[in-house]
Amino acid sequence: MALMSNDMTQPDAAFRVYSRDDGTFAVEVTIDEMQPTQVSGFATEAAATAWIEGYKQRKKEIAESPRGRRSRPMRGPS
C-alpha cells in the first residue's frame, strides 16, 4: 500500500491509470519536481479512477478547511 504526502498544499498532481501484469490496476501520481509514485492494488480501472476523484475531492476539502493540512497520510486501497 503506497503512502502519499500528508501536505495537501502541494502542487496539483498528474494521474495515470495503468494495468499491471497481475491483472490489477495502479495509479501513477506525478507532482512537479518530485519523483512519480504508484498507488497499486485496485481490482478495476474504475476503482483506480474513483480513487483519483476521491483524492482530488479530499484535497479540495482540506484546502478549504481552516486547518488546511491532513494529520495522517493518505493511503491507497486496503
Protein backbone atom coordinates (compact mmCIF):
# COMPACT_ATOMS: atom_id res chain seq x y z
CA MET A 1 0.00 0.00 0.00
CA ALA A 2 1.53 3.30 -1.05
CA LEU A 3 1.56 6.38 1.12
CA MET A 4 1.18 9.88 -0.23
CA SER A 5 2.47 13.07 1.32
CA ASN A 6 0.27 14.45 4.06
CA ASP A 7 0.91 18.01 2.79
CA MET A 8 -2.29 18.82 0.95
CA THR A 9 -0.95 22.24 -0.06
CA GLN A 10 1.39 20.61 -2.58
CA PRO A 11 1.02 21.49 -6.27
CA ASP A 12 -1.58 19.73 -8.37
CA ALA A 13 -0.73 16.19 -9.32
CA ALA A 14 -1.00 14.44 -12.67
CA PHE A 15 -2.51 10.96 -12.62
CA ARG A 16 -2.20 7.98 -14.97
CA VAL A 17 -4.11 4.73 -14.54
CA TYR A 18 -2.43 1.62 -15.92
CA SER A 19 -2.90 -2.13 -15.81
CA ARG A 20 -0.36 -4.36 -14.13
CA ASP A 21 0.84 -7.81 -15.18
CA ASP A 22 -1.20 -9.43 -12.40
CA GLY A 23 -4.47 -8.03 -13.79
CA THR A 24 -4.86 -5.28 -11.17
CA PHE A 25 -4.62 -1.56 -11.79
CA ALA A 26 -2.40 1.15 -10.38
CA VAL A 27 -2.28 4.92 -10.43
CA GLU A 28 0.94 6.76 -11.18
CA VAL A 29 0.95 10.11 -9.38
CA THR A 30 3.33 12.79 -10.64
CA ILE A 31 3.85 16.09 -8.84
CA ASP A 32 6.17 18.77 -10.22
CA GLU A 33 9.79 18.41 -9.14
CA MET A 34 9.12 15.09 -7.41
CA GLN A 35 9.65 11.51 -8.47
CA PRO A 36 6.44 9.78 -9.59
CA THR A 37 4.88 7.37 -7.11
CA GLN A 38 2.47 4.49 -7.63
CA VAL A 39 -0.65 3.60 -5.70
CA SER A 40 -1.48 -0.02 -6.51
CA GLY A 41 -3.92 -2.75 -5.62
CA PHE A 42 -7.05 -1.62 -7.47
CA ALA A 43 -9.17 -4.51 -8.75
CA THR A 44 -10.63 -2.47 -11.61
CA GLU A 45 -9.81 0.57 -13.69
CA ALA A 46 -12.99 2.17 -12.34
CA ALA A 47 -11.75 1.71 -8.76
CA ALA A 48 -8.44 3.39 -9.64
CA THR A 49 -10.27 6.28 -11.29
CA ALA A 50 -12.57 6.61 -8.28
CA TRP A 51 -9.50 6.83 -6.02
CA ILE A 52 -8.19 9.72 -8.13
CA GLU A 53 -11.50 11.56 -7.88
CA GLY A 54 -11.61 10.93 -4.14
CA TYR A 55 -8.07 12.25 -3.77
CA LYS A 56 -8.97 15.43 -5.67
CA GLN A 57 -12.11 15.91 -3.58
CA ARG A 58 -10.24 15.39 -0.28
CA LYS A 59 -7.53 17.81 -1.38
CA LYS A 60 -10.16 20.43 -2.24
CA GLU A 61 -11.98 19.97 1.08
CA ILE A 62 -8.75 20.16 3.07
CA ALA A 63 -7.52 23.22 1.18
CA GLU A 64 -10.82 24.93 2.02
CA SER A 65 -10.75 23.94 5.69
CA PRO A 66 -9.31 26.24 8.35
CA ARG A 67 -6.65 23.66 9.17
CA GLY A 68 -5.52 23.24 5.56
CA ARG A 69 -3.45 20.09 6.20
CA ARG A 70 -4.04 16.44 7.00
CA SER A 71 -2.69 14.97 10.16
CA ARG A 72 -2.49 11.46 8.67
CA PRO A 73 -1.08 10.17 5.38
CA MET A 74 -3.48 9.35 2.55
CA ARG A 75 -3.46 5.66 1.75
CA GLY A 76 -4.33 3.65 -1.30
CA PRO A 77 -6.83 0.78 -1.21
CA SER A 78 -6.80 -1.59 1.74
